[in-house]
Amino acid sequence: MSHAGDVPDLELTRVMAASPDAIWSAWNDPASIAQWWGPAEFTSTVRELNVADGGRFDVVMHGPDGTDFANVYIFDEVEPARRVAYVHQGSEEWGLAPSRSVMLIDVEDQGVSRTRVTLRSYYASDEDRRRHLEDFQAADGARQLLERLEEVARSR
């Protein structure tokens, strides 16, 4: 999956006080993902996790108001402790995503337990971009997700 030259619809970077291996470990453990996946005040239930090329990530985010948001992602490119790329598929509960959005998470070692994590989102249509960035407040949610990932990774 290459997006070289493409401008992402959403790009966030956070330098984390955790090693790339700790961040990778937080990605590969369903109990850890349940602690950090999604915006603040959300919890998650991981129904399936196979962090490998072609693997599935089936997760239900539980909102603070009790609403459940089920999502299935397919990993398109996985480089342990370096990169995770996945495509949003939608869900059985909410239906297939009308267009497939792509997320890239790059992990760069900055030395001595410091890691730069960059999240990039590419939406497949203008409507998908509007829904995520405006209706779902994806930028705030992604920022909170990265903060929560750092907290979990630091504890590993």
N, C-alpha and C. Protein backbone atom coordinates (compact mmCIF):
# COMPACT_ATOMS: atom_id res chain seq x y z
N MET A 1 0.85 -1.17 0.00
CA MET A 1 0.00 0.00 0.00
C MET A 1 0.90 1.22 0.00
N SER A 2 0.77 2.00 -1.01
CA SER A 2 1.62 3.19 -1.10
C SER A 2 0.74 4.42 -1.25
N HIS A 3 1.08 5.40 -0.47
CA HIS A 3 0.41 6.69 -0.58
C HIS A 3 1.44 7.79 -0.77
N ALA A 4 2.60 7.39 -1.29
CA ALA A 4 3.66 8.37 -1.50
C ALA A 4 3.13 9.50 -2.39
N GLY A 5 3.33 10.69 -1.94
CA GLY A 5 2.88 11.85 -2.70
C GLY A 5 1.45 12.25 -2.40
N ASP A 6 0.66 11.33 -1.85
CA ASP A 6 -0.72 11.67 -1.48
C ASP A 6 -0.70 12.49 -0.20
N VAL A 7 -1.55 13.48 -0.14
CA VAL A 7 -1.67 14.28 1.08
C VAL A 7 -2.75 13.63 1.94
N PRO A 8 -2.41 13.25 3.18
CA PRO A 8 -3.42 12.63 4.03
C PRO A 8 -4.53 13.61 4.41
N ASP A 9 -5.71 13.07 4.64
CA ASP A 9 -6.84 13.88 5.10
C ASP A 9 -6.68 14.25 6.56
N LEU A 10 -5.95 13.42 7.30
CA LEU A 10 -5.70 13.65 8.71
C LEU A 10 -4.30 13.15 9.00
N GLU A 11 -3.50 13.95 9.67
CA GLU A 11 -2.14 13.53 10.04
C GLU A 11 -1.83 14.07 11.42
N LEU A 12 -1.45 13.19 12.32
CA LEU A 12 -1.09 13.57 13.68
C LEU A 12 0.21 12.87 14.05
N THR A 13 1.07 13.57 14.77
CA THR A 13 2.32 12.99 15.25
C THR A 13 2.43 13.21 16.74
N ARG A 14 2.90 12.19 17.44
CA ARG A 14 3.13 12.29 18.88
C ARG A 14 4.45 11.58 19.19
N VAL A 15 5.33 12.27 19.92
CA VAL A 15 6.54 11.63 20.41
C VAL A 15 6.20 11.04 21.77
N MET A 16 6.35 9.73 21.86
CA MET A 16 5.92 9.00 23.05
C MET A 16 7.12 8.59 23.90
N ALA A 17 6.91 8.59 25.21
CA ALA A 17 7.92 8.14 26.16
C ALA A 17 7.79 6.63 26.33
N ALA A 18 8.02 5.91 25.24
CA ALA A 18 7.95 4.46 25.24
C ALA A 18 8.77 3.96 24.05
N SER A 19 9.26 2.77 24.15
CA SER A 19 10.07 2.21 23.06
C SER A 19 9.16 1.70 21.94
N PRO A 20 9.70 1.57 20.72
CA PRO A 20 8.91 0.97 19.64
C PRO A 20 8.40 -0.42 20.00
N ASP A 21 9.21 -1.20 20.72
CA ASP A 21 8.78 -2.55 21.10
C ASP A 21 7.59 -2.50 22.07
N ALA A 22 7.58 -1.54 22.98
CA ALA A 22 6.46 -1.40 23.92
C ALA A 22 5.19 -0.99 23.16
N ILE A 23 5.34 -0.11 22.18
CA ILE A 23 4.19 0.31 21.38
C ILE A 23 3.68 -0.88 20.56
N TRP A 24 4.59 -1.64 19.97
CA TRP A 24 4.21 -2.83 19.20
C TRP A 24 3.50 -3.84 20.09
N SER A 25 4.00 -4.02 21.30
CA SER A 25 3.38 -4.95 22.25
C SER A 25 1.95 -4.51 22.57
N ALA A 26 1.74 -3.20 22.73
CA ALA A 26 0.39 -2.68 23.02
C ALA A 26 -0.56 -2.92 21.85
N TRP A 27 -0.01 -3.00 20.63
CA TRP A 27 -0.82 -3.27 19.43
C TRP A 27 -1.21 -4.74 19.32
N ASN A 28 -0.42 -5.63 19.91
CA ASN A 28 -0.59 -7.06 19.69
C ASN A 28 -1.31 -7.80 20.80
N ASP A 29 -1.75 -7.10 21.80
CA ASP A 29 -2.40 -7.72 22.94
C ASP A 29 -3.84 -7.20 23.04
N PRO A 30 -4.83 -8.08 22.83
CA PRO A 30 -6.23 -7.62 22.88
C PRO A 30 -6.58 -6.89 24.18
N ALA A 31 -6.05 -7.34 25.32
CA ALA A 31 -6.36 -6.67 26.58
C ALA A 31 -5.79 -5.25 26.60
N SER A 32 -4.62 -5.06 26.00
CA SER A 32 -4.04 -3.71 25.92
C SER A 32 -4.84 -2.83 24.98
N ILE A 33 -5.19 -3.35 23.81
CA ILE A 33 -5.96 -2.55 22.86
C ILE A 33 -7.28 -2.11 23.48
N ALA A 34 -7.89 -2.97 24.26
CA ALA A 34 -9.16 -2.63 24.91
C ALA A 34 -9.00 -1.38 25.80
N GLN A 35 -7.78 -1.13 26.29
CA GLN A 35 -7.53 0.03 27.15
C GLN A 35 -7.28 1.31 26.37
N TRP A 36 -6.81 1.22 25.12
CA TRP A 36 -6.42 2.45 24.43
C TRP A 36 -7.16 2.72 23.13
N TRP A 37 -7.84 1.74 22.56
CA TRP A 37 -8.47 1.95 21.26
C TRP A 37 -9.68 2.88 21.40
N GLY A 38 -9.69 3.94 20.62
CA GLY A 38 -10.82 4.86 20.61
C GLY A 38 -10.55 6.11 21.42
N PRO A 39 -11.49 7.05 21.36
CA PRO A 39 -11.34 8.31 22.09
C PRO A 39 -11.41 8.11 23.60
N ALA A 40 -11.03 9.15 24.33
CA ALA A 40 -11.13 9.14 25.80
C ALA A 40 -12.56 8.82 26.20
N GLU A 41 -12.71 8.14 27.31
CA GLU A 41 -13.99 7.75 27.88
C GLU A 41 -14.66 6.60 27.14
N PHE A 42 -14.04 6.08 26.08
CA PHE A 42 -14.54 4.89 25.41
C PHE A 42 -13.82 3.67 25.98
N THR A 43 -14.48 2.54 25.97
CA THR A 43 -13.83 1.26 26.22
C THR A 43 -14.03 0.43 24.96
N SER A 44 -13.29 -0.64 24.86
CA SER A 44 -13.40 -1.47 23.66
C SER A 44 -13.37 -2.94 24.01
N THR A 45 -14.03 -3.72 23.19
CA THR A 45 -13.98 -5.18 23.27
C THR A 45 -13.40 -5.68 21.95
N VAL A 46 -12.29 -6.40 22.04
CA VAL A 46 -11.65 -6.95 20.86
C VAL A 46 -12.21 -8.35 20.61
N ARG A 47 -12.87 -8.51 19.46
CA ARG A 47 -13.46 -9.80 19.12
C ARG A 47 -12.51 -10.67 18.32
N GLU A 48 -11.61 -10.04 17.57
CA GLU A 48 -10.61 -10.79 16.80
C GLU A 48 -9.43 -9.86 16.55
N LEU A 49 -8.22 -10.41 16.65
CA LEU A 49 -7.02 -9.62 16.41
C LEU A 49 -5.94 -10.51 15.81
N ASN A 50 -5.53 -10.18 14.60
CA ASN A 50 -4.44 -10.88 13.94
C ASN A 50 -3.61 -9.81 13.23
N VAL A 51 -2.61 -9.27 13.94
CA VAL A 51 -1.81 -8.17 13.40
C VAL A 51 -0.75 -8.76 12.47
N ALA A 52 -1.17 -8.99 11.23
CA ALA A 52 -0.31 -9.54 10.18
C ALA A 52 -0.91 -9.14 8.84
N ASP A 53 -0.11 -9.15 7.80
CA ASP A 53 -0.62 -8.83 6.47
C ASP A 53 -1.85 -9.68 6.19
N GLY A 54 -2.98 -9.03 5.86
CA GLY A 54 -4.22 -9.74 5.58
C GLY A 54 -5.01 -10.12 6.82
N GLY A 55 -4.49 -9.84 8.02
CA GLY A 55 -5.16 -10.19 9.28
C GLY A 55 -6.34 -9.29 9.57
N ARG A 56 -7.24 -9.78 10.43
CA ARG A 56 -8.45 -9.03 10.81
C ARG A 56 -8.32 -8.45 12.21
N PHE A 57 -8.92 -7.27 12.36
CA PHE A 57 -9.07 -6.62 13.65
C PHE A 57 -10.54 -6.28 13.77
N ASP A 58 -11.25 -6.99 14.62
CA ASP A 58 -12.69 -6.82 14.82
C ASP A 58 -12.86 -6.29 16.24
N VAL A 59 -13.36 -5.06 16.37
CA VAL A 59 -13.42 -4.40 17.66
C VAL A 59 -14.75 -3.67 17.82
N VAL A 60 -15.26 -3.65 19.04
CA VAL A 60 -16.46 -2.88 19.36
C VAL A 60 -16.05 -1.80 20.36
N MET A 61 -16.24 -0.54 19.96
CA MET A 61 -16.00 0.58 20.87
C MET A 61 -17.32 0.86 21.60
N HIS A 62 -17.21 1.04 22.91
CA HIS A 62 -18.38 1.33 23.74
C HIS A 62 -18.30 2.78 24.18
N GLY A 63 -19.22 3.59 23.67
CA GLY A 63 -19.23 5.01 24.00
C GLY A 63 -19.69 5.26 25.42
N PRO A 64 -19.36 6.43 25.97
CA PRO A 64 -19.75 6.76 27.34
C PRO A 64 -21.27 6.79 27.53
N ASP A 65 -22.03 6.97 26.44
CA ASP A 65 -23.49 6.98 26.54
C ASP A 65 -24.09 5.59 26.36
N GLY A 66 -23.22 4.56 26.23
CA GLY A 66 -23.71 3.19 26.09
C GLY A 66 -23.85 2.72 24.65
N THR A 67 -23.63 3.60 23.67
CA THR A 67 -23.72 3.21 22.27
C THR A 67 -22.51 2.37 21.88
N ASP A 68 -22.75 1.27 21.17
CA ASP A 68 -21.68 0.42 20.68
C ASP A 68 -21.40 0.74 19.22
N PHE A 69 -20.11 0.79 18.88
CA PHE A 69 -19.67 1.05 17.51
C PHE A 69 -18.75 -0.10 17.09
N ALA A 70 -19.29 -1.04 16.33
CA ALA A 70 -18.51 -2.18 15.87
C ALA A 70 -17.77 -1.80 14.59
N ASN A 71 -16.54 -2.26 14.46
CA ASN A 71 -15.74 -1.99 13.27
C ASN A 71 -14.84 -3.16 12.97
N VAL A 72 -14.66 -3.43 11.68
CA VAL A 72 -13.71 -4.44 11.23
C VAL A 72 -12.68 -3.74 10.35
N TYR A 73 -11.43 -4.06 10.61
CA TYR A 73 -10.31 -3.55 9.82
C TYR A 73 -9.52 -4.73 9.29
N ILE A 74 -8.95 -4.59 8.10
CA ILE A 74 -8.06 -5.60 7.55
C ILE A 74 -6.67 -4.98 7.46
N PHE A 75 -5.69 -5.65 8.05
CA PHE A 75 -4.31 -5.17 7.99
C PHE A 75 -3.77 -5.42 6.58
N ASP A 76 -3.29 -4.36 5.98
CA ASP A 76 -2.78 -4.43 4.62
C ASP A 76 -1.26 -4.54 4.61
N GLU A 77 -0.63 -3.90 5.57
CA GLU A 77 0.83 -3.90 5.62
C GLU A 77 1.25 -3.83 7.08
N VAL A 78 2.03 -4.80 7.52
CA VAL A 78 2.50 -4.83 8.90
C VAL A 78 4.01 -5.04 8.89
N GLU A 79 4.73 -4.11 9.49
CA GLU A 79 6.16 -4.24 9.73
C GLU A 79 6.33 -4.12 11.24
N PRO A 80 6.60 -5.23 11.93
CA PRO A 80 6.67 -5.20 13.39
C PRO A 80 7.51 -4.04 13.94
N ALA A 81 6.91 -3.32 14.88
CA ALA A 81 7.53 -2.19 15.58
C ALA A 81 7.91 -1.04 14.64
N ARG A 82 7.38 -1.05 13.40
CA ARG A 82 7.70 0.04 12.46
C ARG A 82 6.47 0.64 11.78
N ARG A 83 5.55 -0.21 11.31
CA ARG A 83 4.40 0.31 10.55
C ARG A 83 3.23 -0.65 10.63
N VAL A 84 2.06 -0.04 10.73
CA VAL A 84 0.80 -0.77 10.63
C VAL A 84 -0.08 0.03 9.66
N ALA A 85 -0.58 -0.65 8.64
CA ALA A 85 -1.51 -0.04 7.69
C ALA A 85 -2.75 -0.92 7.65
N TYR A 86 -3.92 -0.29 7.75
CA TYR A 86 -5.14 -1.08 7.74
C TYR A 86 -6.25 -0.34 7.01
N VAL A 87 -7.22 -1.12 6.56
CA VAL A 87 -8.34 -0.60 5.78
C VAL A 87 -9.63 -0.86 6.55
N HIS A 88 -10.42 0.18 6.73
CA HIS A 88 -11.70 0.06 7.43
C HIS A 88 -12.72 -0.64 6.53
N GLN A 89 -13.33 -1.70 7.05
CA GLN A 89 -14.28 -2.50 6.28
C GLN A 89 -15.73 -2.22 6.63
N GLY A 90 -15.99 -1.54 7.75
CA GLY A 90 -17.36 -1.40 8.26
C GLY A 90 -17.59 -2.47 9.30
N SER A 91 -18.83 -2.98 9.39
CA SER A 91 -19.12 -4.03 10.36
C SER A 91 -20.41 -4.74 9.99
N GLU A 92 -20.60 -5.92 10.57
CA GLU A 92 -21.86 -6.64 10.37
C GLU A 92 -23.02 -5.85 10.94
N GLU A 93 -22.80 -5.23 12.11
CA GLU A 93 -23.86 -4.49 12.78
C GLU A 93 -24.26 -3.22 12.03
N TRP A 94 -23.28 -2.49 11.48
CA TRP A 94 -23.53 -1.20 10.86
C TRP A 94 -23.49 -1.27 9.34
N GLY A 95 -23.15 -2.42 8.80
CA GLY A 95 -23.05 -2.56 7.35
C GLY A 95 -21.64 -2.29 6.85
N LEU A 96 -21.38 -2.72 5.65
CA LEU A 96 -20.07 -2.49 5.06
C LEU A 96 -19.85 -1.01 4.84
N ALA A 97 -18.62 -0.59 5.02
CA ALA A 97 -18.28 0.81 4.78
C ALA A 97 -18.50 1.10 3.29
N PRO A 98 -19.20 2.19 2.96
CA PRO A 98 -19.45 2.50 1.56
C PRO A 98 -18.16 2.77 0.78
N SER A 99 -17.14 3.23 1.47
CA SER A 99 -15.85 3.45 0.85
C SER A 99 -14.79 3.09 1.87
N ARG A 100 -13.72 2.56 1.41
CA ARG A 100 -12.68 2.06 2.31
C ARG A 100 -11.67 3.15 2.65
N SER A 101 -11.65 3.54 3.92
CA SER A 101 -10.64 4.49 4.35
C SER A 101 -9.40 3.71 4.79
N VAL A 102 -8.26 4.33 4.60
CA VAL A 102 -6.97 3.70 4.88
C VAL A 102 -6.28 4.48 5.98
N MET A 103 -5.74 3.75 6.95
CA MET A 103 -4.99 4.37 8.04
C MET A 103 -3.58 3.80 8.04
N LEU A 104 -2.60 4.68 8.21
CA LEU A 104 -1.21 4.27 8.34
C LEU A 104 -0.70 4.77 9.69
N ILE A 105 -0.02 3.91 10.41
CA ILE A 105 0.63 4.31 11.65
C ILE A 105 2.10 3.95 11.52
N ASP A 106 2.95 4.97 11.49
CA ASP A 106 4.39 4.77 11.40
C ASP A 106 5.02 5.00 12.77
N VAL A 107 5.96 4.11 13.12
CA VAL A 107 6.63 4.13 14.40
C VAL A 107 8.13 4.31 14.14
N GLU A 108 8.70 5.40 14.67
CA GLU A 108 10.12 5.70 14.44
C GLU A 108 10.85 5.84 15.77
N ASP A 109 11.86 5.01 15.95
CA ASP A 109 12.67 5.04 17.17
C ASP A 109 13.41 6.37 17.24
N GLN A 110 13.27 7.06 18.38
CA GLN A 110 13.96 8.33 18.60
C GLN A 110 15.06 8.18 19.65
N GLY A 111 15.34 6.93 20.06
CA GLY A 111 16.39 6.65 21.03
C GLY A 111 15.93 6.78 22.47
N VAL A 112 16.51 5.98 23.34
CA VAL A 112 16.27 5.98 24.78
C VAL A 112 14.78 6.09 25.13
N SER A 113 14.04 5.07 24.74
CA SER A 113 12.62 4.96 25.08
C SER A 113 11.80 6.17 24.63
N ARG A 114 12.12 6.68 23.47
CA ARG A 114 11.31 7.75 22.87
C ARG A 114 11.01 7.33 21.45
N THR A 115 9.76 7.48 21.07
CA THR A 115 9.31 7.01 19.76
C THR A 115 8.36 8.02 19.15
N ARG A 116 8.60 8.34 17.88
CA ARG A 116 7.68 9.20 17.14
C ARG A 116 6.65 8.30 16.46
N VAL A 117 5.38 8.56 16.75
CA VAL A 117 4.29 7.81 16.13
C VAL A 117 3.48 8.79 15.28
N THR A 118 3.35 8.46 14.01
CA THR A 118 2.60 9.32 13.09
C THR A 118 1.42 8.53 12.55
N LEU A 119 0.25 9.08 12.70
CA LEU A 119 -0.99 8.48 12.21
C LEU A 119 -1.46 9.30 11.01
N ARG A 120 -1.74 8.61 9.92
CA ARG A 120 -2.25 9.27 8.71
C ARG A 120 -3.52 8.55 8.27
N SER A 121 -4.54 9.32 7.94
CA SER A 121 -5.80 8.77 7.43
C SER A 121 -6.06 9.30 6.03
N TYR A 122 -6.49 8.40 5.17
CA TYR A 122 -6.85 8.74 3.80
C TYR A 122 -8.29 8.27 3.59
N TYR A 123 -9.21 9.18 3.39
CA TYR A 123 -10.61 8.82 3.19
C TYR A 123 -10.89 8.68 1.71
N ALA A 124 -11.78 7.76 1.37
CA ALA A 124 -12.00 7.38 -0.03
C ALA A 124 -12.92 8.33 -0.78
N SER A 125 -13.65 9.17 -0.07
CA SER A 125 -14.58 10.09 -0.75
C SER A 125 -14.71 11.36 0.08
N ASP A 126 -15.22 12.40 -0.56
CA ASP A 126 -15.44 13.66 0.15
C ASP A 126 -16.46 13.46 1.28
N GLU A 127 -17.49 12.66 1.03
CA GLU A 127 -18.51 12.42 2.05
C GLU A 127 -17.92 11.67 3.24
N ASP A 128 -17.10 10.67 2.96
CA ASP A 128 -16.45 9.89 4.03
C ASP A 128 -15.54 10.82 4.85
N ARG A 129 -14.80 11.68 4.18
CA ARG A 129 -13.92 12.64 4.86
C ARG A 129 -14.75 13.56 5.75
N ARG A 130 -15.84 14.11 5.22
CA ARG A 130 -16.69 15.01 5.99
C ARG A 130 -17.26 14.29 7.22
N ARG A 131 -17.80 13.09 7.01
CA ARG A 131 -18.39 12.34 8.12
C ARG A 131 -17.37 12.11 9.24
N HIS A 132 -16.18 11.66 8.87
CA HIS A 132 -15.18 11.36 9.89
C HIS A 132 -14.64 12.62 10.58
N LEU A 133 -14.29 13.61 9.79
CA LEU A 133 -13.65 14.79 10.37
C LEU A 133 -14.65 15.72 11.06
N GLU A 134 -15.87 15.82 10.55
CA GLU A 134 -16.85 16.72 11.16
C GLU A 134 -17.80 15.98 12.11
N ASP A 135 -18.53 14.99 11.58
CA ASP A 135 -19.53 14.31 12.41
C ASP A 135 -18.90 13.50 13.54
N PHE A 136 -17.83 12.75 13.23
CA PHE A 136 -17.22 11.86 14.22
C PHE A 136 -16.06 12.50 14.97
N GLN A 137 -15.71 13.74 14.62
CA GLN A 137 -14.60 14.44 15.29
C GLN A 137 -13.33 13.57 15.31
N ALA A 138 -12.98 13.02 14.15
CA ALA A 138 -11.88 12.06 14.03
C ALA A 138 -10.54 12.62 14.49
N ALA A 139 -10.29 13.91 14.27
CA ALA A 139 -9.00 14.48 14.68
C ALA A 139 -8.85 14.43 16.20
N ASP A 140 -9.89 14.83 16.94
CA ASP A 140 -9.83 14.77 18.40
C ASP A 140 -9.74 13.33 18.86
N GLY A 141 -10.52 12.46 18.25
CA GLY A 141 -10.50 11.05 18.63
C GLY A 141 -9.14 10.41 18.40
N ALA A 142 -8.50 10.73 17.28
CA ALA A 142 -7.18 10.18 16.97
C ALA A 142 -6.13 10.71 17.95
N ARG A 143 -6.22 11.98 18.30
CA ARG A 143 -5.29 12.57 19.27
C ARG A 143 -5.43 11.86 20.62
N GLN A 144 -6.66 11.63 21.05
CA GLN A 144 -6.90 10.94 22.31
C GLN A 144 -6.43 9.48 22.24
N LEU A 145 -6.63 8.83 21.09
CA LEU A 145 -6.18 7.46 20.91
C LEU A 145 -4.66 7.38 21.07
N LEU A 146 -3.92 8.31 20.46
CA LEU A 146 -2.46 8.31 20.59
C LEU A 146 -2.03 8.56 22.03
N GLU A 147 -2.71 9.44 22.74
CA GLU A 147 -2.41 9.68 24.16
C GLU A 147 -2.61 8.41 24.96
N ARG A 148 -3.71 7.72 24.70
CA ARG A 148 -4.03 6.49 25.44
C ARG A 148 -3.05 5.38 25.08
N LEU A 149 -2.65 5.29 23.80
CA LEU A 149 -1.65 4.30 23.40
C LEU A 149 -0.34 4.53 24.16
N GLU A 150 0.06 5.79 24.28
CA GLU A 150 1.30 6.08 25.02
C GLU A 150 1.18 5.63 26.48
N GLU A 151 0.05 5.90 27.11
CA GLU A 151 -0.12 5.50 28.52
C GLU A 151 0.02 3.99 28.67
N VAL A 152 -0.61 3.24 27.79
CA VAL A 152 -0.54 1.77 27.86
C VAL A 152 0.88 1.29 27.56
N ALA A 153 1.49 1.84 26.52
CA ALA A 153 2.86 1.42 26.14
C ALA A 153 3.86 1.73 27.25
N ARG A 154 3.69 2.85 27.92
CA ARG A 154 4.62 3.22 29.02
C ARG A 154 4.53 2.25 30.17
N SER A 155 3.37 1.63 30.35
CA SER A 155 3.19 0.71 31.47
C SER A 155 3.70 -0.71 31.16
N ARG A 156 4.18 -0.93 29.93
CA ARG A 156 4.61 -2.27 29.53
C ARG A 156 6.07 -2.50 29.85
